[in-house]
Amino acid sequence: MTFELLLVLAAGLFSTGLYGALSQQSIVMIMMGIELMIGGVIVAAADLWSFLSPAAPGGQVIVVAAVLAMAVEMAMGFAVTTAIYRARQVDMTDMAEDLKG
């Protein structure tokens, strides 16, 4: 794959995630949209790093660390969502507005 194709793929992932996050009211679907957006950013960062310095392995380590942080973040988010659903039977953002600070 070329540099431009990977950037188009990253833009497509980010755009799909943005649409999903803004158009849905289900908490799980919003989190999935955010995950797609973060995935698009990671693909673009990895592509840019590979383009700028293809021999340096440091960029791969940063990308793996970002993917791990994203996975932990999403696991915690899904755990909180599951706990809210079990406690209140709420799975839509409008019904969970009492969570505001």
PDB file of N, CA and C in Angstrom:
ATOM      1  N   MET A   1       0.845  -1.181   0.000  1.00  0.00           N
ATOM      2  CA  MET A   1       0.000   0.000   0.000  1.00  0.00           C
ATOM      3  C   MET A   1       0.884   1.235   0.000  1.00  0.00           C
ATOM      4  N   THR A   2       0.380   2.232  -0.640  1.00  0.00           N
ATOM      5  CA  THR A   2       1.151   3.462  -0.705  1.00  0.00           C
ATOM      6  C   THR A   2       0.782   4.377   0.451  1.00  0.00           C
ATOM      7  N   PHE A   3       1.577   5.414   0.597  1.00  0.00           N
ATOM      8  CA  PHE A   3       1.360   6.396   1.660  1.00  0.00           C
ATOM      9  C   PHE A   3      -0.007   7.048   1.530  1.00  0.00           C
ATOM     10  N   GLU A   4      -0.379   7.401   0.308  1.00  0.00           N
ATOM     11  CA  GLU A   4      -1.646   8.092   0.091  1.00  0.00           C
ATOM     12  C   GLU A   4      -2.841   7.181   0.368  1.00  0.00           C
ATOM     13  N   LEU A   5      -2.744   5.920  -0.039  1.00  0.00           N
ATOM     14  CA  LEU A   5      -3.851   4.987   0.208  1.00  0.00           C
ATOM     15  C   LEU A   5      -4.088   4.774   1.702  1.00  0.00           C
ATOM     16  N   LEU A   6      -3.015   4.689   2.452  1.00  0.00           N
ATOM     17  CA  LEU A   6      -3.170   4.523   3.899  1.00  0.00           C
ATOM     18  C   LEU A   6      -3.758   5.775   4.537  1.00  0.00           C
ATOM     19  N   LEU A   7      -3.407   6.949   4.024  1.00  0.00           N
ATOM     20  CA  LEU A   7      -4.017   8.171   4.548  1.00  0.00           C
ATOM     21  C   LEU A   7      -5.502   8.230   4.202  1.00  0.00           C
ATOM     22  N   VAL A   8      -5.875   7.762   3.017  1.00  0.00           N
ATOM     23  CA  VAL A   8      -7.296   7.713   2.644  1.00  0.00           C
ATOM     24  C   VAL A   8      -8.034   6.724   3.547  1.00  0.00           C
ATOM     25  N   LEU A   9      -7.404   5.581   3.822  1.00  0.00           N
ATOM     26  CA  LEU A   9      -7.996   4.608   4.743  1.00  0.00           C
ATOM     27  C   LEU A   9      -8.184   5.214   6.130  1.00  0.00           C
ATOM     28  N   ALA A  10      -7.176   5.932   6.609  1.00  0.00           N
ATOM     29  CA  ALA A  10      -7.276   6.568   7.931  1.00  0.00           C
ATOM     30  C   ALA A  10      -8.378   7.623   7.939  1.00  0.00           C
ATOM     31  N   ALA A  11      -8.477   8.401   6.876  1.00  0.00           N
ATOM     32  CA  ALA A  11      -9.534   9.413   6.808  1.00  0.00           C
ATOM     33  C   ALA A  11     -10.911   8.764   6.755  1.00  0.00           C
ATOM     34  N   GLY A  12     -11.030   7.655   6.037  1.00  0.00           N
ATOM     35  CA  GLY A  12     -12.300   6.933   5.982  1.00  0.00           C
ATOM     36  C   GLY A  12     -12.700   6.375   7.338  1.00  0.00           C
ATOM     37  N   LEU A  13     -11.743   5.795   8.048  1.00  0.00           N
ATOM     38  CA  LEU A  13     -12.021   5.282   9.399  1.00  0.00           C
ATOM     39  C   LEU A  13     -12.447   6.408  10.325  1.00  0.00           C
ATOM     40  N   PHE A  14     -11.722   7.520  10.272  1.00  0.00           N
ATOM     41  CA  PHE A  14     -12.044   8.640  11.151  1.00  0.00           C
ATOM     42  C   PHE A  14     -13.413   9.214  10.822  1.00  0.00           C
ATOM     43  N   SER A  15     -13.714   9.360   9.531  1.00  0.00           N
ATOM     44  CA  SER A  15     -15.009   9.917   9.122  1.00  0.00           C
ATOM     45  C   SER A  15     -16.165   9.008   9.518  1.00  0.00           C
ATOM     46  N   THR A  16     -15.994   7.713   9.316  1.00  0.00           N
ATOM     47  CA  THR A  16     -17.032   6.758   9.704  1.00  0.00           C
ATOM     48  C   THR A  16     -17.256   6.793  11.212  1.00  0.00           C
ATOM     49  N   GLY A  17     -16.182   6.858  11.964  1.00  0.00           N
ATOM     50  CA  GLY A  17     -16.295   6.937  13.409  1.00  0.00           C
ATOM     51  C   GLY A  17     -16.949   8.218  13.873  1.00  0.00           C
ATOM     52  N   LEU A  18     -16.606   9.320  13.232  1.00  0.00           N
ATOM     53  CA  LEU A  18     -17.216  10.605  13.595  1.00  0.00           C
ATOM     54  C   LEU A  18     -18.709  10.587  13.323  1.00  0.00           C
ATOM     55  N   TYR A  19     -19.094  10.060  12.176  1.00  0.00           N
ATOM     56  CA  TYR A  19     -20.525   9.955  11.862  1.00  0.00           C
ATOM     57  C   TYR A  19     -21.228   9.051  12.869  1.00  0.00           C
ATOM     58  N   GLY A  20     -20.595   7.919  13.195  1.00  0.00           N
ATOM     59  CA  GLY A  20     -21.199   7.001  14.153  1.00  0.00           C
ATOM     60  C   GLY A  20     -21.326   7.611  15.532  1.00  0.00           C
ATOM     61  N   ALA A  21     -20.324   8.367  15.956  1.00  0.00           N
ATOM     62  CA  ALA A  21     -20.370   8.960  17.294  1.00  0.00           C
ATOM     63  C   ALA A  21     -21.390  10.086  17.376  1.00  0.00           C
ATOM     64  N   LEU A  22     -21.569  10.829  16.288  1.00  0.00           N
ATOM     65  CA  LEU A  22     -22.487  11.963  16.335  1.00  0.00           C
ATOM     66  C   LEU A  22     -23.928  11.585  16.026  1.00  0.00           C
ATOM     67  N   SER A  23     -24.150  10.493  15.334  1.00  0.00           N
ATOM     68  CA  SER A  23     -25.506  10.174  14.894  1.00  0.00           C
ATOM     69  C   SER A  23     -26.213   9.171  15.806  1.00  0.00           C
ATOM     70  N   GLN A  24     -25.522   8.557  16.713  1.00  0.00           N
ATOM     71  CA  GLN A  24     -26.134   7.522  17.552  1.00  0.00           C
ATOM     72  C   GLN A  24     -26.439   8.059  18.941  1.00  0.00           C
ATOM     73  N   GLN A  25     -27.410   7.454  19.606  1.00  0.00           N
ATOM     74  CA  GLN A  25     -27.715   7.824  20.986  1.00  0.00           C
ATOM     75  C   GLN A  25     -27.379   6.698  21.956  1.00  0.00           C
ATOM     76  N   SER A  26     -27.115   5.518  21.448  1.00  0.00           N
ATOM     77  CA  SER A  26     -26.726   4.413  22.309  1.00  0.00           C
ATOM     78  C   SER A  26     -25.281   4.619  22.770  1.00  0.00           C
ATOM     79  N   ILE A  27     -25.038   4.415  24.046  1.00  0.00           N
ATOM     80  CA  ILE A  27     -23.704   4.653  24.596  1.00  0.00           C
ATOM     81  C   ILE A  27     -22.680   3.727  23.952  1.00  0.00           C
ATOM     82  N   VAL A  28     -23.052   2.487  23.719  1.00  0.00           N
ATOM     83  CA  VAL A  28     -22.124   1.529  23.125  1.00  0.00           C
ATOM     84  C   VAL A  28     -21.771   1.935  21.687  1.00  0.00           C
ATOM     85  N   MET A  29     -22.763   2.395  20.931  1.00  0.00           N
ATOM     86  CA  MET A  29     -22.484   2.802  19.541  1.00  0.00           C
ATOM     87  C   MET A  29     -21.605   4.048  19.497  1.00  0.00           C
ATOM     88  N   ILE A  30     -21.798   4.961  20.432  1.00  0.00           N
ATOM     89  CA  ILE A  30     -20.934   6.147  20.509  1.00  0.00           C
ATOM     90  C   ILE A  30     -19.500   5.728  20.818  1.00  0.00           C
ATOM     91  N   MET A  31     -19.344   4.793  21.740  1.00  0.00           N
ATOM     92  CA  MET A  31     -17.995   4.328  22.076  1.00  0.00           C
ATOM     93  C   MET A  31     -17.351   3.610  20.891  1.00  0.00           C
ATOM     94  N   MET A  32     -18.139   2.867  20.127  1.00  0.00           N
ATOM     95  CA  MET A  32     -17.587   2.213  18.939  1.00  0.00           C
ATOM     96  C   MET A  32     -17.153   3.243  17.902  1.00  0.00           C
ATOM     97  N   GLY A  33     -17.921   4.326  17.757  1.00  0.00           N
ATOM     98  CA  GLY A  33     -17.530   5.396  16.853  1.00  0.00           C
ATOM     99  C   GLY A  33     -16.236   6.061  17.278  1.00  0.00           C
ATOM    100  N   ILE A  34     -16.102   6.295  18.580  1.00  0.00           N
ATOM    101  CA  ILE A  34     -14.864   6.885  19.088  1.00  0.00           C
ATOM    102  C   ILE A  34     -13.693   5.939  18.863  1.00  0.00           C
ATOM    103  N   GLU A  35     -13.933   4.652  19.018  1.00  0.00           N
ATOM    104  CA  GLU A  35     -12.866   3.674  18.774  1.00  0.00           C
ATOM    105  C   GLU A  35     -12.423   3.697  17.303  1.00  0.00           C
ATOM    106  N   LEU A  36     -13.370   3.819  16.389  1.00  0.00           N
ATOM    107  CA  LEU A  36     -12.999   3.919  14.969  1.00  0.00           C
ATOM    108  C   LEU A  36     -12.189   5.180  14.703  1.00  0.00           C
ATOM    109  N   MET A  37     -12.579   6.286  15.341  1.00  0.00           N
ATOM    110  CA  MET A  37     -11.833   7.529  15.148  1.00  0.00           C
ATOM    111  C   MET A  37     -10.403   7.387  15.652  1.00  0.00           C
ATOM    112  N   ILE A  38     -10.229   6.782  16.816  1.00  0.00           N
ATOM    113  CA  ILE A  38      -8.880   6.590  17.356  1.00  0.00           C
ATOM    114  C   ILE A  38      -8.088   5.642  16.461  1.00  0.00           C
ATOM    115  N   GLY A  39      -8.741   4.617  15.931  1.00  0.00           N
ATOM    116  CA  GLY A  39      -8.067   3.705  15.004  1.00  0.00           C
ATOM    117  C   GLY A  39      -7.583   4.421  13.754  1.00  0.00           C
ATOM    118  N   GLY A  40      -8.390   5.336  13.239  1.00  0.00           N
ATOM    119  CA  GLY A  40      -7.977   6.122  12.076  1.00  0.00           C
ATOM    120  C   GLY A  40      -6.767   6.984  12.366  1.00  0.00           C
ATOM    121  N   VAL A  41      -6.743   7.582  13.543  1.00  0.00           N
ATOM    122  CA  VAL A  41      -5.599   8.408  13.934  1.00  0.00           C
ATOM    123  C   VAL A  41      -4.350   7.539  14.077  1.00  0.00           C
ATOM    124  N   ILE A  42      -4.512   6.349  14.638  1.00  0.00           N
ATOM    125  CA  ILE A  42      -3.349   5.464  14.804  1.00  0.00           C
ATOM    126  C   ILE A  42      -2.824   5.007  13.447  1.00  0.00           C
ATOM    127  N   VAL A  43      -3.711   4.686  12.512  1.00  0.00           N
ATOM    128  CA  VAL A  43      -3.270   4.284  11.170  1.00  0.00           C
ATOM    129  C   VAL A  43      -2.530   5.432  10.492  1.00  0.00           C
ATOM    130  N   ALA A  44      -3.051   6.653  10.613  1.00  0.00           N
ATOM    131  CA  ALA A  44      -2.372   7.803  10.009  1.00  0.00           C
ATOM    132  C   ALA A  44      -1.021   8.051  10.655  1.00  0.00           C
ATOM    133  N   ALA A  45      -0.947   7.914  11.987  1.00  0.00           N
ATOM    134  CA  ALA A  45       0.327   8.131  12.670  1.00  0.00           C
ATOM    135  C   ALA A  45       1.354   7.082  12.266  1.00  0.00           C
ATOM    136  N   ALA A  46       0.913   5.823  12.178  1.00  0.00           N
ATOM    137  CA  ALA A  46       1.844   4.761  11.780  1.00  0.00           C
ATOM    138  C   ALA A  46       2.308   4.962  10.346  1.00  0.00           C
ATOM    139  N   ASP A  47       1.397   5.367   9.485  1.00  0.00           N
ATOM    140  CA  ASP A  47       1.761   5.605   8.086  1.00  0.00           C
ATOM    141  C   ASP A  47       2.738   6.766   7.974  1.00  0.00           C
ATOM    142  N   LEU A  48       2.471   7.830   8.695  1.00  0.00           N
ATOM    143  CA  LEU A  48       3.367   8.987   8.654  1.00  0.00           C
ATOM    144  C   LEU A  48       4.741   8.631   9.214  1.00  0.00           C
ATOM    145  N   TRP A  49       4.762   7.890  10.289  1.00  0.00           N
ATOM    146  CA  TRP A  49       6.045   7.501  10.883  1.00  0.00           C
ATOM    147  C   TRP A  49       6.815   6.595   9.926  1.00  0.00           C
ATOM    148  N   SER A  50       6.124   5.665   9.287  1.00  0.00           N
ATOM    149  CA  SER A  50       6.778   4.771   8.331  1.00  0.00           C
ATOM    150  C   SER A  50       7.296   5.533   7.123  1.00  0.00           C
ATOM    151  N   PHE A  51       6.574   6.589   6.733  1.00  0.00           N
ATOM    152  CA  PHE A  51       7.006   7.382   5.584  1.00  0.00           C
ATOM    153  C   PHE A  51       8.235   8.220   5.915  1.00  0.00           C
ATOM    154  N   LEU A  52       8.244   8.785   7.121  1.00  0.00           N
ATOM    155  CA  LEU A  52       9.334   9.687   7.480  1.00  0.00           C
ATOM    156  C   LEU A  52      10.621   8.945   7.826  1.00  0.00           C
ATOM    157  N   SER A  53      10.515   7.852   8.571  1.00  0.00           N
ATOM    158  CA  SER A  53      11.733   7.114   8.928  1.00  0.00           C
ATOM    159  C   SER A  53      11.423   5.619   8.898  1.00  0.00           C
ATOM    160  N   PRO A  54      11.524   5.015   7.727  1.00  0.00           N
ATOM    161  CA  PRO A  54      11.135   3.606   7.591  1.00  0.00           C
ATOM    162  C   PRO A  54      12.040   2.627   8.333  1.00  0.00           C
ATOM    163  N   ALA A  55      13.263   3.011   8.639  1.00  0.00           N
ATOM    164  CA  ALA A  55      14.172   2.073   9.289  1.00  0.00           C
ATOM    165  C   ALA A  55      14.108   2.131  10.809  1.00  0.00           C
ATOM    166  N   ALA A  56      13.523   3.180  11.360  1.00  0.00           N
ATOM    167  CA  ALA A  56      13.496   3.339  12.815  1.00  0.00           C
ATOM    168  C   ALA A  56      12.325   2.559  13.418  1.00  0.00           C
ATOM    169  N   PRO A  57      12.584   1.675  14.387  1.00  0.00           N
ATOM    170  CA  PRO A  57      11.498   0.909  14.996  1.00  0.00           C
ATOM    171  C   PRO A  57      10.778   1.660  16.106  1.00  0.00           C
ATOM    172  N   GLY A  58      11.207   2.845  16.453  1.00  0.00           N
ATOM    173  CA  GLY A  58      10.598   3.585  17.561  1.00  0.00           C
ATOM    174  C   GLY A  58       9.138   3.917  17.324  1.00  0.00           C
ATOM    175  N   GLY A  59       8.762   4.181  16.103  1.00  0.00           N
ATOM    176  CA  GLY A  59       7.369   4.507  15.788  1.00  0.00           C
ATOM    177  C   GLY A  59       6.445   3.336  16.009  1.00  0.00           C
ATOM    178  N   GLN A  60       6.939   2.140  15.723  1.00  0.00           N
ATOM    179  CA  GLN A  60       6.108   0.954  15.942  1.00  0.00           C
ATOM    180  C   GLN A  60       5.817   0.756  17.418  1.00  0.00           C
ATOM    181  N   VAL A  61       6.760   1.051  18.255  1.00  0.00           N
ATOM    182  CA  VAL A  61       6.561   0.906  19.698  1.00  0.00           C
ATOM    183  C   VAL A  61       5.504   1.905  20.183  1.00  0.00           C
ATOM    184  N   ILE A  62       5.564   3.117  19.674  1.00  0.00           N
ATOM    185  CA  ILE A  62       4.579   4.127  20.065  1.00  0.00           C
ATOM    186  C   ILE A  62       3.186   3.721  19.596  1.00  0.00           C
ATOM    187  N   VAL A  63       3.079   3.181  18.392  1.00  0.00           N
ATOM    188  CA  VAL A  63       1.782   2.743  17.873  1.00  0.00           C
ATOM    189  C   VAL A  63       1.229   1.597  18.710  1.00  0.00           C
ATOM    190  N   VAL A  64       2.070   0.639  19.063  1.00  0.00           N
ATOM    191  CA  VAL A  64       1.612  -0.480  19.902  1.00  0.00           C
ATOM    192  C   VAL A  64       1.173   0.034  21.276  1.00  0.00           C
ATOM    193  N   ALA A  65       1.906   0.978  21.838  1.00  0.00           N
ATOM    194  CA  ALA A  65       1.514   1.549  23.125  1.00  0.00           C
ATOM    195  C   ALA A  65       0.179   2.288  23.009  1.00  0.00           C
ATOM    196  N   ALA A  66      -0.038   3.001  21.903  1.00  0.00           N
ATOM    197  CA  ALA A  66      -1.307   3.706  21.711  1.00  0.00           C
ATOM    198  C   ALA A  66      -2.458   2.723  21.565  1.00  0.00           C
ATOM    199  N   VAL A  67      -2.236   1.623  20.853  1.00  0.00           N
ATOM    200  CA  VAL A  67      -3.297   0.612  20.702  1.00  0.00           C
ATOM    201  C   VAL A  67      -3.622  -0.026  22.050  1.00  0.00           C
ATOM    202  N   LEU A  68      -2.616  -0.298  22.856  1.00  0.00           N
ATOM    203  CA  LEU A  68      -2.853  -0.872  24.179  1.00  0.00           C
ATOM    204  C   LEU A  68      -3.618   0.099  25.065  1.00  0.00           C
ATOM    205  N   ALA A  69      -3.236   1.374  25.044  1.00  0.00           N
ATOM    206  CA  ALA A  69      -3.948   2.372  25.841  1.00  0.00           C
ATOM    207  C   ALA A  69      -5.396   2.491  25.384  1.00  0.00           C
ATOM    208  N   MET A  70      -5.619   2.432  24.070  1.00  0.00           N
ATOM    209  CA  MET A  70      -6.983   2.508  23.535  1.00  0.00           C
ATOM    210  C   MET A  70      -7.795   1.294  23.970  1.00  0.00           C
ATOM    211  N   ALA A  71      -7.194   0.112  23.976  1.00  0.00           N
ATOM    212  CA  ALA A  71      -7.915  -1.091  24.383  1.00  0.00           C
ATOM    213  C   ALA A  71      -8.291  -1.039  25.862  1.00  0.00           C
ATOM    214  N   VAL A  72      -7.379  -0.565  26.694  1.00  0.00           N
ATOM    215  CA  VAL A  72      -7.677  -0.449  28.129  1.00  0.00           C
ATOM    216  C   VAL A  72      -8.776   0.581  28.361  1.00  0.00           C
ATOM    217  N   GLU A  73      -8.680   1.696  27.647  1.00  0.00           N
ATOM    218  CA  GLU A  73      -9.696   2.744  27.782  1.00  0.00           C
ATOM    219  C   GLU A  73     -11.072   2.227  27.381  1.00  0.00           C
ATOM    220  N   MET A  74     -11.157   1.523  26.294  1.00  0.00           N
ATOM    221  CA  MET A  74     -12.449   1.015  25.843  1.00  0.00           C
ATOM    222  C   MET A  74     -12.967  -0.076  26.778  1.00  0.00           C
ATOM    223  N   ALA A  75     -12.097  -0.900  27.314  1.00  0.00           N
ATOM    224  CA  ALA A  75     -12.541  -1.929  28.269  1.00  0.00           C
ATOM    225  C   ALA A  75     -13.136  -1.272  29.504  1.00  0.00           C
ATOM    226  N   MET A  76     -12.501  -0.204  29.981  1.00  0.00           N
ATOM    227  CA  MET A  76     -13.034   0.496  31.148  1.00  0.00           C
ATOM    228  C   MET A  76     -14.358   1.176  30.802  1.00  0.00           C
ATOM    229  N   GLY A  77     -14.452   1.753  29.619  1.00  0.00           N
ATOM    230  CA  GLY A  77     -15.696   2.400  29.206  1.00  0.00           C
ATOM    231  C   GLY A  77     -16.839   1.407  29.087  1.00  0.00           C
ATOM    232  N   PHE A  78     -16.566   0.246  28.518  1.00  0.00           N
ATOM    233  CA  PHE A  78     -17.620  -0.764  28.404  1.00  0.00           C
ATOM    234  C   PHE A  78     -17.995  -1.314  29.770  1.00  0.00           C
ATOM    235  N   ALA A  79     -17.043  -1.399  30.682  1.00  0.00           N
ATOM    236  CA  ALA A  79     -17.360  -1.857  32.040  1.00  0.00           C
ATOM    237  C   ALA A  79     -18.273  -0.858  32.747  1.00  0.00           C
ATOM    238  N   VAL A  80     -17.991   0.426  32.600  1.00  0.00           N
ATOM    239  CA  VAL A  80     -18.837   1.452  33.219  1.00  0.00           C
ATOM    240  C   VAL A  80     -20.226   1.429  32.582  1.00  0.00           C
ATOM    241  N   THR A  81     -20.277   1.285  31.273  1.00  0.00           N
ATOM    242  CA  THR A  81     -21.566   1.233  30.582  1.00  0.00           C
ATOM    243  C   THR A  81     -22.377   0.029  31.038  1.00  0.00           C
ATOM    244  N   THR A  82     -21.727  -1.105  31.180  1.00  0.00           N
ATOM    245  CA  THR A  82     -22.418  -2.310  31.652  1.00  0.00           C
ATOM    246  C   THR A  82     -22.918  -2.126  33.078  1.00  0.00           C
ATOM    247  N   ALA A  83     -22.108  -1.496  33.928  1.00  0.00           N
ATOM    248  CA  ALA A  83     -22.534  -1.249  35.311  1.00  0.00           C
ATOM    249  C   ALA A  83     -23.730  -0.302  35.357  1.00  0.00           C
ATOM    250  N   ILE A  84     -23.724   0.730  34.522  1.00  0.00           N
ATOM    251  CA  ILE A  84     -24.862   1.662  34.481  1.00  0.00           C
ATOM    252  C   ILE A  84     -26.102   0.938  33.987  1.00  0.00           C
ATOM    253  N   TYR A  85     -25.934   0.107  32.985  1.00  0.00           N
ATOM    254  CA  TYR A  85     -27.092  -0.614  32.459  1.00  0.00           C
ATOM    255  C   TYR A  85     -27.672  -1.578  33.493  1.00  0.00           C
ATOM    256  N   ARG A  86     -26.813  -2.270  34.204  1.00  0.00           N
ATOM    257  CA  ARG A  86     -27.305  -3.212  35.212  1.00  0.00           C
ATOM    258  C   ARG A  86     -27.974  -2.495  36.371  1.00  0.00           C
ATOM    259  N   ALA A  87     -27.470  -1.318  36.749  1.00  0.00           N
ATOM    260  CA  ALA A  87     -28.025  -0.606  37.901  1.00  0.00           C
ATOM    261  C   ALA A  87     -29.315   0.114  37.556  1.00  0.00           C
ATOM    262  N   ARG A  88     -29.390   0.701  36.352  1.00  0.00           N
ATOM    263  CA  ARG A  88     -30.524   1.571  36.020  1.00  0.00           C
ATOM    264  C   ARG A  88     -31.299   1.161  34.783  1.00  0.00           C
ATOM    265  N   GLN A  89     -30.861   0.144  34.075  1.00  0.00           N
ATOM    266  CA  GLN A  89     -31.490  -0.251  32.811  1.00  0.00           C
ATOM    267  C   GLN A  89     -31.459   0.907  31.808  1.00  0.00           C
ATOM    268  N   VAL A  90     -30.359   1.629  31.760  1.00  0.00           N
ATOM    269  CA  VAL A  90     -30.189   2.785  30.877  1.00  0.00           C
ATOM    270  C   VAL A  90     -29.112   2.453  29.858  1.00  0.00           C
ATOM    271  N   ASP A  91     -29.438   2.610  28.562  1.00  0.00           N
ATOM    272  CA  ASP A  91     -28.423   2.403  27.534  1.00  0.00           C
ATOM    273  C   ASP A  91     -28.388   3.527  26.513  1.00  0.00           C
ATOM    274  N   MET A  92     -29.165   4.569  26.727  1.00  0.00           N
ATOM    275  CA  MET A  92     -29.179   5.709  25.809  1.00  0.00           C
ATOM    276  C   MET A  92     -28.631   6.936  26.538  1.00  0.00           C
ATOM    277  N   THR A  93     -28.020   7.844  25.790  1.00  0.00           N
ATOM    278  CA  THR A  93     -27.397   9.008  26.412  1.00  0.00           C
ATOM    279  C   THR A  93     -28.425   9.948  27.029  1.00  0.00           C
ATOM    280  N   ASP A  94     -29.601  10.052  26.428  1.00  0.00           N
ATOM    281  CA  ASP A  94     -30.613  10.962  26.966  1.00  0.00           C
ATOM    282  C   ASP A  94     -31.109  10.500  28.332  1.00  0.00           C
ATOM    283  N   MET A  95     -31.172   9.205  28.542  1.00  0.00           N
ATOM    284  CA  MET A  95     -31.671   8.691  29.814  1.00  0.00           C
ATOM    285  C   MET A  95     -30.601   8.724  30.903  1.00  0.00           C
ATOM    286  N   ALA A  96     -29.354   8.899  30.538  1.00  0.00           N
ATOM    287  CA  ALA A  96     -28.267   8.913  31.518  1.00  0.00           C
ATOM    288  C   ALA A  96     -27.779  10.327  31.780  1.00  0.00           C
ATOM    289  N   GLU A  97     -28.616  11.312  31.620  1.00  0.00           N
ATOM    290  CA  GLU A  97     -28.156  12.685  31.791  1.00  0.00           C
ATOM    291  C   GLU A  97     -27.959  13.060  33.258  1.00  0.00           C
ATOM    292  N   ASP A  98     -28.398  12.242  34.183  1.00  0.00           N
ATOM    293  CA  ASP A  98     -28.123  12.539  35.584  1.00  0.00           C
ATOM    294  C   ASP A  98     -26.675  12.255  35.954  1.00  0.00           C
ATOM    295  N   LEU A  99     -25.874  11.763  35.009  1.00  0.00           N
ATOM    296  CA  LEU A  99     -24.457  11.522  35.246  1.00  0.00           C
ATOM    297  C   LEU A  99     -23.625  12.793  35.060  1.00  0.00           C
ATOM    298  N   LYS A 100     -24.277  13.876  34.648  1.00  0.00           N
ATOM    299  CA  LYS A 100     -23.547  15.133  34.479  1.00  0.00           C
ATOM    300  C   LYS A 100     -22.994  15.581  35.821  1.00  0.00           C
ATOM    301  N   GLY A 101     -21.864  16.244  35.774  1.00  0.00           N
ATOM    302  CA  GLY A 101     -21.216  16.680  37.007  1.00  0.00           C
ATOM    303  C   GLY A 101     -21.854  17.837  37.678  1.00  0.00           C
TER     304      GLY A 101
END
